[in-house]
Amino acid sequence: MKQLTINIKDNKYSFFLELLKSMDFVTVADSDDWFDTISENDKKAINKGIEDIENGRIHSHEDVIASAKKRISELKNSK
């Protein structure tokens, strides 16, 4: 069996969905999960982020802000 996913986000294409529903070999499943609507690259990026968190590869907000302030200061002083 082959599976085809079509994301119909605009109601003006609902006629197409109704046409598909009328075909006996088509099963239409609605999905309310936003994760199902994003690209494979986005899913991979999210899963990599989760993996990074689980493995402690993170930076605190405070560390990032301190690093940014230091870099900005260095750039200002180099002029």
PDB file of N, CA and C in Angstrom:
ATOM      1  N   MET A   1       0.841  -1.184   0.000  1.00  0.00           N
ATOM      2  CA  MET A   1       0.000   0.000   0.000  1.00  0.00           C
ATOM      3  C   MET A   1       0.881   1.240   0.000  1.00  0.00           C
ATOM      4  N   LYS A   2       0.544   2.214  -0.776  1.00  0.00           N
ATOM      5  CA  LYS A   2       1.250   3.488  -0.841  1.00  0.00           C
ATOM      6  C   LYS A   2       0.460   4.514  -0.048  1.00  0.00           C
ATOM      7  N   GLN A   3       1.181   5.467   0.517  1.00  0.00           N
ATOM      8  CA  GLN A   3       0.534   6.526   1.277  1.00  0.00           C
ATOM      9  C   GLN A   3       0.940   7.869   0.702  1.00  0.00           C
ATOM     10  N   LEU A   4      -0.023   8.743   0.574  1.00  0.00           N
ATOM     11  CA  LEU A   4       0.205  10.083   0.059  1.00  0.00           C
ATOM     12  C   LEU A   4      -0.323  11.068   1.081  1.00  0.00           C
ATOM     13  N   THR A   5       0.488  12.041   1.435  1.00  0.00           N
ATOM     14  CA  THR A   5       0.066  13.075   2.370  1.00  0.00           C
ATOM     15  C   THR A   5      -0.096  14.378   1.612  1.00  0.00           C
ATOM     16  N   ILE A   6      -1.260  14.980   1.766  1.00  0.00           N
ATOM     17  CA  ILE A   6      -1.542  16.266   1.147  1.00  0.00           C
ATOM     18  C   ILE A   6      -1.982  17.213   2.251  1.00  0.00           C
ATOM     19  N   ASN A   7      -1.271  18.306   2.396  1.00  0.00           N
ATOM     20  CA  ASN A   7      -1.640  19.310   3.392  1.00  0.00           C
ATOM     21  C   ASN A   7      -2.495  20.375   2.712  1.00  0.00           C
ATOM     22  N   ILE A   8      -3.760  20.399   3.072  1.00  0.00           N
ATOM     23  CA  ILE A   8      -4.675  21.388   2.512  1.00  0.00           C
ATOM     24  C   ILE A   8      -4.952  22.406   3.610  1.00  0.00           C
ATOM     25  N   LYS A   9      -4.348  23.581   3.480  1.00  0.00           N
ATOM     26  CA  LYS A   9      -4.449  24.598   4.517  1.00  0.00           C
ATOM     27  C   LYS A   9      -5.457  25.685   4.167  1.00  0.00           C
ATOM     28  N   ASP A  10      -5.898  25.692   2.946  1.00  0.00           N
ATOM     29  CA  ASP A  10      -6.795  26.747   2.495  1.00  0.00           C
ATOM     30  C   ASP A  10      -8.129  26.122   2.105  1.00  0.00           C
ATOM     31  N   ASN A  11      -9.214  26.673   2.599  1.00  0.00           N
ATOM     32  CA  ASN A  11     -10.533  26.119   2.315  1.00  0.00           C
ATOM     33  C   ASN A  11     -10.903  26.159   0.840  1.00  0.00           C
ATOM     34  N   LYS A  12     -10.226  27.002   0.055  1.00  0.00           N
ATOM     35  CA  LYS A  12     -10.582  27.064  -1.357  1.00  0.00           C
ATOM     36  C   LYS A  12     -10.236  25.779  -2.087  1.00  0.00           C
ATOM     37  N   TYR A  13      -9.438  24.906  -1.469  1.00  0.00           N
ATOM     38  CA  TYR A  13      -9.102  23.620  -2.060  1.00  0.00           C
ATOM     39  C   TYR A  13      -9.923  22.479  -1.470  1.00  0.00           C
ATOM     40  N   SER A  14     -10.908  22.797  -0.678  1.00  0.00           N
ATOM     41  CA  SER A  14     -11.710  21.756  -0.035  1.00  0.00           C
ATOM     42  C   SER A  14     -12.449  20.897  -1.061  1.00  0.00           C
ATOM     43  N   PHE A  15     -12.768  21.462  -2.239  1.00  0.00           N
ATOM     44  CA  PHE A  15     -13.418  20.664  -3.287  1.00  0.00           C
ATOM     45  C   PHE A  15     -12.542  19.479  -3.680  1.00  0.00           C
ATOM     46  N   PHE A  16     -11.228  19.704  -3.690  1.00  0.00           N
ATOM     47  CA  PHE A  16     -10.287  18.645  -4.042  1.00  0.00           C
ATOM     48  C   PHE A  16     -10.341  17.533  -2.998  1.00  0.00           C
ATOM     49  N   LEU A  17     -10.411  17.926  -1.746  1.00  0.00           N
ATOM     50  CA  LEU A  17     -10.505  16.955  -0.661  1.00  0.00           C
ATOM     51  C   LEU A  17     -11.801  16.150  -0.784  1.00  0.00           C
ATOM     52  N   GLU A  18     -12.896  16.819  -1.090  1.00  0.00           N
ATOM     53  CA  GLU A  18     -14.181  16.121  -1.248  1.00  0.00           C
ATOM     54  C   GLU A  18     -14.128  15.139  -2.421  1.00  0.00           C
ATOM     55  N   LEU A  19     -13.454  15.525  -3.497  1.00  0.00           N
ATOM     56  CA  LEU A  19     -13.298  14.626  -4.637  1.00  0.00           C
ATOM     57  C   LEU A  19     -12.522  13.381  -4.221  1.00  0.00           C
ATOM     58  N   LEU A  20     -11.439  13.572  -3.487  1.00  0.00           N
ATOM     59  CA  LEU A  20     -10.652  12.431  -3.014  1.00  0.00           C
ATOM     60  C   LEU A  20     -11.476  11.518  -2.115  1.00  0.00           C
ATOM     61  N   LYS A  21     -12.258  12.114  -1.230  1.00  0.00           N
ATOM     62  CA  LYS A  21     -13.091  11.325  -0.315  1.00  0.00           C
ATOM     63  C   LYS A  21     -14.092  10.456  -1.071  1.00  0.00           C
ATOM     64  N   SER A  22     -14.519  10.901  -2.244  1.00  0.00           N
ATOM     65  CA  SER A  22     -15.521  10.157  -3.009  1.00  0.00           C
ATOM     66  C   SER A  22     -14.944   8.916  -3.686  1.00  0.00           C
ATOM     67  N   MET A  23     -13.636   8.792  -3.731  1.00  0.00           N
ATOM     68  CA  MET A  23     -12.993   7.642  -4.379  1.00  0.00           C
ATOM     69  C   MET A  23     -12.880   6.496  -3.384  1.00  0.00           C
ATOM     70  N   ASP A  24     -13.310   5.317  -3.807  1.00  0.00           N
ATOM     71  CA  ASP A  24     -13.367   4.184  -2.882  1.00  0.00           C
ATOM     72  C   ASP A  24     -11.996   3.681  -2.443  1.00  0.00           C
ATOM     73  N   PHE A  25     -10.945   4.008  -3.149  1.00  0.00           N
ATOM     74  CA  PHE A  25      -9.606   3.537  -2.786  1.00  0.00           C
ATOM     75  C   PHE A  25      -8.824   4.559  -1.962  1.00  0.00           C
ATOM     76  N   VAL A  26      -9.482   5.660  -1.590  1.00  0.00           N
ATOM     77  CA  VAL A  26      -8.819   6.730  -0.840  1.00  0.00           C
ATOM     78  C   VAL A  26      -9.366   6.771   0.578  1.00  0.00           C
ATOM     79  N   THR A  27      -8.458   6.840   1.534  1.00  0.00           N
ATOM     80  CA  THR A  27      -8.836   7.037   2.923  1.00  0.00           C
ATOM     81  C   THR A  27      -8.298   8.396   3.346  1.00  0.00           C
ATOM     82  N   VAL A  28      -9.149   9.206   3.897  1.00  0.00           N
ATOM     83  CA  VAL A  28      -8.752  10.550   4.312  1.00  0.00           C
ATOM     84  C   VAL A  28      -8.710  10.581   5.841  1.00  0.00           C
ATOM     85  N   ALA A  29      -7.579  10.983   6.371  1.00  0.00           N
ATOM     86  CA  ALA A  29      -7.411  11.103   7.821  1.00  0.00           C
ATOM     87  C   ALA A  29      -7.035  12.541   8.137  1.00  0.00           C
ATOM     88  N   ASP A  30      -7.814  13.160   8.996  1.00  0.00           N
ATOM     89  CA  ASP A  30      -7.486  14.515   9.429  1.00  0.00           C
ATOM     90  C   ASP A  30      -6.459  14.441  10.544  1.00  0.00           C
ATOM     91  N   SER A  31      -5.572  15.403  10.548  1.00  0.00           N
ATOM     92  CA  SER A  31      -4.546  15.457  11.577  1.00  0.00           C
ATOM     93  C   SER A  31      -4.544  16.839  12.204  1.00  0.00           C
ATOM     94  N   ASP A  32      -4.673  16.877  13.513  1.00  0.00           N
ATOM     95  CA  ASP A  32      -4.625  18.147  14.223  1.00  0.00           C
ATOM     96  C   ASP A  32      -3.249  18.392  14.833  1.00  0.00           C
ATOM     97  N   ASP A  33      -2.321  17.473  14.610  1.00  0.00           N
ATOM     98  CA  ASP A  33      -0.990  17.607  15.185  1.00  0.00           C
ATOM     99  C   ASP A  33      -0.116  18.417  14.239  1.00  0.00           C
ATOM    100  N   TRP A  34       0.340  19.573  14.666  1.00  0.00           N
ATOM    101  CA  TRP A  34       1.137  20.460  13.825  1.00  0.00           C
ATOM    102  C   TRP A  34       2.410  19.777  13.347  1.00  0.00           C
ATOM    103  N   PHE A  35       2.929  18.840  14.133  1.00  0.00           N
ATOM    104  CA  PHE A  35       4.158  18.153  13.762  1.00  0.00           C
ATOM    105  C   PHE A  35       3.979  17.386  12.456  1.00  0.00           C
ATOM    106  N   ASP A  36       2.771  16.916  12.204  1.00  0.00           N
ATOM    107  CA  ASP A  36       2.496  16.177  10.970  1.00  0.00           C
ATOM    108  C   ASP A  36       2.485  17.083   9.743  1.00  0.00           C
ATOM    109  N   THR A  37       2.423  18.380   9.955  1.00  0.00           N
ATOM    110  CA  THR A  37       2.289  19.305   8.829  1.00  0.00           C
ATOM    111  C   THR A  37       3.606  19.956   8.416  1.00  0.00           C
ATOM    112  N   ILE A  38       4.681  19.705   9.164  1.00  0.00           N
ATOM    113  CA  ILE A  38       5.951  20.360   8.852  1.00  0.00           C
ATOM    114  C   ILE A  38       6.825  19.450   7.988  1.00  0.00           C
ATOM    115  N   SER A  39       7.838  20.029   7.386  1.00  0.00           N
ATOM    116  CA  SER A  39       8.709  19.275   6.484  1.00  0.00           C
ATOM    117  C   SER A  39       9.589  18.281   7.253  1.00  0.00           C
ATOM    118  N   GLU A  40      10.120  17.328   6.527  1.00  0.00           N
ATOM    119  CA  GLU A  40      11.026  16.347   7.129  1.00  0.00           C
ATOM    120  C   GLU A  40      12.270  17.031   7.692  1.00  0.00           C
ATOM    121  N   ASN A  41      12.779  18.060   7.012  1.00  0.00           N
ATOM    122  CA  ASN A  41      13.946  18.792   7.519  1.00  0.00           C
ATOM    123  C   ASN A  41      13.630  19.459   8.847  1.00  0.00           C
ATOM    124  N   ASP A  42      12.434  20.050   8.966  1.00  0.00           N
ATOM    125  CA  ASP A  42      12.040  20.678  10.226  1.00  0.00           C
ATOM    126  C   ASP A  42      11.915  19.630  11.335  1.00  0.00           C
ATOM    127  N   LYS A  43      11.349  18.474  11.005  1.00  0.00           N
ATOM    128  CA  LYS A  43      11.213  17.401  11.996  1.00  0.00           C
ATOM    129  C   LYS A  43      12.587  16.935  12.470  1.00  0.00           C
ATOM    130  N   LYS A  44      13.530  16.795  11.525  1.00  0.00           N
ATOM    131  CA  LYS A  44      14.892  16.381  11.892  1.00  0.00           C
ATOM    132  C   LYS A  44      15.548  17.418  12.800  1.00  0.00           C
ATOM    133  N   ALA A  45      15.347  18.694  12.497  1.00  0.00           N
ATOM    134  CA  ALA A  45      15.947  19.756  13.305  1.00  0.00           C
ATOM    135  C   ALA A  45      15.371  19.745  14.718  1.00  0.00           C
ATOM    136  N   ILE A  46      14.074  19.564  14.833  1.00  0.00           N
ATOM    137  CA  ILE A  46      13.433  19.499  16.151  1.00  0.00           C
ATOM    138  C   ILE A  46      13.941  18.298  16.924  1.00  0.00           C
ATOM    139  N   ASN A  47      14.001  17.147  16.265  1.00  0.00           N
ATOM    140  CA  ASN A  47      14.474  15.938  16.946  1.00  0.00           C
ATOM    141  C   ASN A  47      15.934  16.060  17.353  1.00  0.00           C
ATOM    142  N   LYS A  48      16.750  16.735  16.545  1.00  0.00           N
ATOM    143  CA  LYS A  48      18.152  16.964  16.917  1.00  0.00           C
ATOM    144  C   LYS A  48      18.223  17.862  18.150  1.00  0.00           C
ATOM    145  N   GLY A  49      17.383  18.875  18.202  1.00  0.00           N
ATOM    146  CA  GLY A  49      17.341  19.747  19.371  1.00  0.00           C
ATOM    147  C   GLY A  49      16.956  18.992  20.628  1.00  0.00           C
ATOM    148  N   ILE A  50      15.984  18.114  20.516  1.00  0.00           N
ATOM    149  CA  ILE A  50      15.580  17.290  21.661  1.00  0.00           C
ATOM    150  C   ILE A  50      16.731  16.398  22.098  1.00  0.00           C
ATOM    151  N   GLU A  51      17.412  15.808  21.124  1.00  0.00           N
ATOM    152  CA  GLU A  51      18.572  14.959  21.429  1.00  0.00           C
ATOM    153  C   GLU A  51      19.672  15.769  22.116  1.00  0.00           C
ATOM    154  N   ASP A  52      19.924  16.978  21.631  1.00  0.00           N
ATOM    155  CA  ASP A  52      20.926  17.846  22.251  1.00  0.00           C
ATOM    156  C   ASP A  52      20.572  18.128  23.711  1.00  0.00           C
ATOM    157  N   ILE A  53      19.314  18.432  23.968  1.00  0.00           N
ATOM    158  CA  ILE A  53      18.875  18.697  25.342  1.00  0.00           C
ATOM    159  C   ILE A  53      19.078  17.465  26.207  1.00  0.00           C
ATOM    160  N   GLU A  54      18.655  16.314  25.704  1.00  0.00           N
ATOM    161  CA  GLU A  54      18.777  15.067  26.472  1.00  0.00           C
ATOM    162  C   GLU A  54      20.228  14.718  26.773  1.00  0.00           C
ATOM    163  N   ASN A  55      21.161  15.149  25.916  1.00  0.00           N
ATOM    164  CA  ASN A  55      22.581  14.847  26.104  1.00  0.00           C
ATOM    165  C   ASN A  55      23.370  16.003  26.707  1.00  0.00           C
ATOM    166  N   GLY A  56      22.660  17.018  27.201  1.00  0.00           N
ATOM    167  CA  GLY A  56      23.315  18.110  27.902  1.00  0.00           C
ATOM    168  C   GLY A  56      24.033  19.106  27.018  1.00  0.00           C
ATOM    169  N   ARG A  57      23.786  19.053  25.725  1.00  0.00           N
ATOM    170  CA  ARG A  57      24.428  19.996  24.809  1.00  0.00           C
ATOM    171  C   ARG A  57      23.556  21.252  24.705  1.00  0.00           C
ATOM    172  N   ILE A  58      23.601  22.040  25.778  1.00  0.00           N
ATOM    173  CA  ILE A  58      22.754  23.229  25.854  1.00  0.00           C
ATOM    174  C   ILE A  58      23.554  24.405  26.408  1.00  0.00           C
ATOM    175  N   HIS A  59      23.018  25.612  26.231  1.00  0.00           N
ATOM    176  CA  HIS A  59      23.583  26.826  26.803  1.00  0.00           C
ATOM    177  C   HIS A  59      22.456  27.563  27.519  1.00  0.00           C
ATOM    178  N   SER A  60      22.740  28.041  28.716  1.00  0.00           N
ATOM    179  CA  SER A  60      21.711  28.768  29.449  1.00  0.00           C
ATOM    180  C   SER A  60      21.468  30.126  28.801  1.00  0.00           C
ATOM    181  N   HIS A  61      20.312  30.662  29.043  1.00  0.00           N
ATOM    182  CA  HIS A  61      19.964  31.989  28.546  1.00  0.00           C
ATOM    183  C   HIS A  61      20.976  33.018  29.051  1.00  0.00           C
ATOM    184  N   GLU A  62      21.323  32.898  30.308  1.00  0.00           N
ATOM    185  CA  GLU A  62      22.267  33.834  30.916  1.00  0.00           C
ATOM    186  C   GLU A  62      23.627  33.791  30.217  1.00  0.00           C
ATOM    187  N   ASP A  63      24.104  32.586  29.903  1.00  0.00           N
ATOM    188  CA  ASP A  63      25.395  32.448  29.212  1.00  0.00           C
ATOM    189  C   ASP A  63      25.358  33.066  27.814  1.00  0.00           C
ATOM    190  N   VAL A  64      24.262  32.863  27.121  1.00  0.00           N
ATOM    191  CA  VAL A  64      24.143  33.412  25.765  1.00  0.00           C
ATOM    192  C   VAL A  64      24.111  34.932  25.817  1.00  0.00           C
ATOM    193  N   ILE A  65      23.348  35.496  26.746  1.00  0.00           N
ATOM    194  CA  ILE A  65      23.266  36.952  26.881  1.00  0.00           C
ATOM    195  C   ILE A  65      24.635  37.524  27.245  1.00  0.00           C
ATOM    196  N   ALA A  66      25.323  36.898  28.182  1.00  0.00           N
ATOM    197  CA  ALA A  66      26.651  37.374  28.587  1.00  0.00           C
ATOM    198  C   ALA A  66      27.622  37.321  27.416  1.00  0.00           C
ATOM    199  N   SER A  67      27.578  36.259  26.649  1.00  0.00           N
ATOM    200  CA  SER A  67      28.448  36.126  25.491  1.00  0.00           C
ATOM    201  C   SER A  67      28.135  37.191  24.438  1.00  0.00           C
ATOM    202  N   ALA A  68      26.859  37.447  24.212  1.00  0.00           N
ATOM    203  CA  ALA A  68      26.459  38.460  23.225  1.00  0.00           C
ATOM    204  C   ALA A  68      26.896  39.849  23.680  1.00  0.00           C
ATOM    205  N   LYS A  69      26.706  40.149  24.960  1.00  0.00           N
ATOM    206  CA  LYS A  69      27.125  41.461  25.474  1.00  0.00           C
ATOM    207  C   LYS A  69      28.634  41.635  25.343  1.00  0.00           C
ATOM    208  N   LYS A  70      29.377  40.585  25.647  1.00  0.00           N
ATOM    209  CA  LYS A  70      30.834  40.653  25.537  1.00  0.00           C
ATOM    210  C   LYS A  70      31.245  40.896  24.088  1.00  0.00           C
ATOM    211  N   ARG A  71      30.633  40.184  23.173  1.00  0.00           N
ATOM    212  CA  ARG A  71      30.972  40.337  21.749  1.00  0.00           C
ATOM    213  C   ARG A  71      30.620  41.734  21.248  1.00  0.00           C
ATOM    214  N   ILE A  72      29.462  42.251  21.646  1.00  0.00           N
ATOM    215  CA  ILE A  72      29.058  43.602  21.251  1.00  0.00           C
ATOM    216  C   ILE A  72      30.057  44.628  21.777  1.00  0.00           C
ATOM    217  N   SER A  73      30.456  44.454  23.026  1.00  0.00           N
ATOM    218  CA  SER A  73      31.425  45.355  23.631  1.00  0.00           C
ATOM    219  C   SER A  73      32.749  45.319  22.868  1.00  0.00           C
ATOM    220  N   GLU A  74      33.210  44.128  22.531  1.00  0.00           N
ATOM    221  CA  GLU A  74      34.453  43.966  21.772  1.00  0.00           C
ATOM    222  C   GLU A  74      34.352  44.648  20.405  1.00  0.00           C
ATOM    223  N   LEU A  75      33.217  44.519  19.758  1.00  0.00           N
ATOM    224  CA  LEU A  75      33.027  45.142  18.448  1.00  0.00           C
ATOM    225  C   LEU A  75      33.014  46.669  18.563  1.00  0.00           C
ATOM    226  N   LYS A  76      32.385  47.176  19.601  1.00  0.00           N
ATOM    227  CA  LYS A  76      32.338  48.615  19.806  1.00  0.00           C
ATOM    228  C   LYS A  76      33.745  49.171  20.060  1.00  0.00           C
ATOM    229  N   ASN A  77      34.520  48.452  20.854  1.00  0.00           N
ATOM    230  CA  ASN A  77      35.857  48.904  21.210  1.00  0.00           C
ATOM    231  C   ASN A  77      36.879  48.757  20.067  1.00  0.00           C
ATOM    232  N   SER A  78      36.555  47.943  19.089  1.00  0.00           N
ATOM    233  CA  SER A  78      37.515  47.730  18.006  1.00  0.00           C
ATOM    234  C   SER A  78      37.422  48.818  16.928  1.00  0.00           C
ATOM    235  N   LYS A  79      36.468  49.717  17.051  1.00  0.00           N
ATOM    236  CA  LYS A  79      36.304  50.788  16.040  1.00  0.00           C
ATOM    237  C   LYS A  79      37.229  51.927  16.285  1.00  0.00           C
TER     238      LYS A  79
END
